[in-house]
């Protein structure tokens, strides 16, 4: 891919969010439901986003995963998040 990073649905979702908001999504667990073949937990969604940016191509990304991820997908993989951010980012759906 000629772009700086391979875009995955999870990358696209996190990239559309403000940094301060990504930091409020706590204990994000990556799973195949988010398009990756690993199960690991990141302290914040912002930390996860920076990790995604460092690995290109990402060896754990499911190349066949094409599901459009929404803020609700992210929230179900977090231990803690502000409910008001769900409303704020519902428009990304």
Protein backbone atom coordinates (compact mmCIF):
# COMPACT_ATOMS: atom_id res chain seq x y z
CA UNK A 1 0.00 0.00 0.00
CA UNK A 2 1.39 3.43 -0.89
CA UNK A 3 -0.20 5.23 2.04
CA UNK A 4 1.71 5.64 5.28
CA UNK A 5 -0.42 3.11 7.18
CA UNK A 6 -2.56 0.19 6.13
CA UNK A 7 -6.08 1.25 6.97
CA UNK A 8 -8.14 -1.28 8.89
CA UNK A 9 -11.69 -0.72 10.15
CA UNK A 10 -10.37 -0.33 13.71
CA UNK A 11 -7.70 2.13 12.60
CA UNK A 12 -10.31 4.15 10.70
CA UNK A 13 -12.63 4.29 13.71
CA UNK A 14 -9.91 5.37 16.12
CA UNK A 15 -8.47 7.86 13.64
CA UNK A 16 -11.88 9.57 13.38
CA UNK A 17 -11.91 10.23 17.13
CA UNK A 18 -10.21 13.06 19.02
CA UNK A 19 -7.11 12.07 20.99
CA UNK A 20 -8.65 13.23 24.27
CA UNK A 21 -11.70 11.04 23.62
CA UNK A 22 -9.65 7.97 22.64
CA UNK A 23 -7.87 8.32 25.98
CA UNK A 24 -11.15 7.91 27.85
CA UNK A 25 -11.82 4.42 26.50
CA UNK A 26 -10.08 2.28 29.12
CA UNK A 27 -8.88 -1.34 28.93
CA UNK A 28 -9.56 -2.03 25.26
CA UNK A 29 -9.26 -5.72 24.43
CA UNK A 30 -8.45 -6.54 20.83
CA UNK A 31 -10.15 -9.65 19.49
CA UNK A 32 -11.04 -11.12 16.10
CA UNK A 33 -14.34 -9.20 16.35
CA UNK A 34 -12.27 -6.02 15.89
CA UNK A 35 -10.38 -7.49 12.94
CA UNK A 36 -7.21 -8.79 14.61
CA UNK A 37 -6.07 -12.33 15.32
CA UNK A 38 -4.71 -11.52 18.77
CA UNK A 39 -6.32 -11.04 22.13
CA UNK A 40 -4.47 -8.39 24.08
CA UNK A 41 -5.59 -5.46 26.20
CA UNK A 42 -4.42 -1.87 25.88
CA UNK A 43 -4.76 0.62 28.72
CA UNK A 44 -6.49 3.16 26.45
CA UNK A 45 -7.81 3.28 22.91
CA UNK A 46 -5.24 6.00 22.23
CA UNK A 47 -2.40 3.65 23.16
CA UNK A 48 -3.92 1.03 20.88
CA UNK A 49 -4.14 3.59 18.06
CA UNK A 50 -0.44 4.47 18.39
CA UNK A 51 0.45 0.78 18.30
CA UNK A 52 -1.60 0.34 15.13
CA UNK A 53 0.30 3.24 13.56
CA UNK A 54 3.69 1.66 14.29
CA UNK A 55 3.01 -1.66 12.59
CA UNK A 56 2.57 -1.53 8.86
CA UNK A 57 1.74 -4.01 7.66
CA UNK A 58 0.28 -5.32 10.88
CA UNK A 59 0.92 -9.07 11.02
CA UNK A 60 -2.12 -9.62 13.27
CA UNK A 61 -4.62 -7.76 11.08
CA UNK A 62 -7.20 -9.95 9.39
CA UNK A 63 -6.81 -8.94 5.75
CA UNK A 64 -10.31 -10.25 4.98
CA UNK A 65 -12.05 -8.30 7.75
CA UNK A 66 -14.27 -5.69 6.10
CA UNK A 67 -16.91 -5.04 8.75
CA UNK A 68 -17.62 -1.37 9.37
CA UNK A 69 -16.82 -0.83 13.04
CA UNK A 70 -18.78 1.68 15.10
CA UNK A 71 -18.28 3.28 18.47
CA UNK A 72 -20.54 0.59 19.92
CA UNK A 73 -18.14 -2.11 18.75
CA UNK A 74 -15.31 -0.30 20.51
CA UNK A 75 -17.34 0.20 23.67
CA UNK A 76 -18.17 -3.50 23.96
CA UNK A 77 -14.44 -4.24 24.01
CA UNK A 78 -13.66 -1.72 26.78
CA UNK A 79 -13.89 -2.10 30.52
CA UNK A 80 -14.75 1.58 30.99
CA UNK A 81 -15.86 4.48 28.78
CA UNK A 82 -17.90 7.68 29.12
CA UNK A 83 -21.47 7.09 27.95
CA UNK A 84 -21.67 10.61 26.53
CA UNK A 85 -18.97 9.74 23.99
CA UNK A 86 -21.19 7.03 22.55
CA UNK A 87 -23.72 9.69 21.57
CA UNK A 88 -20.98 12.00 20.31
CA UNK A 89 -19.54 9.39 17.95
CA UNK A 90 -22.72 7.62 16.83
CA UNK A 91 -22.56 9.73 13.68
CA UNK A 92 -19.52 7.70 12.60
CA UNK A 93 -21.89 4.80 11.98
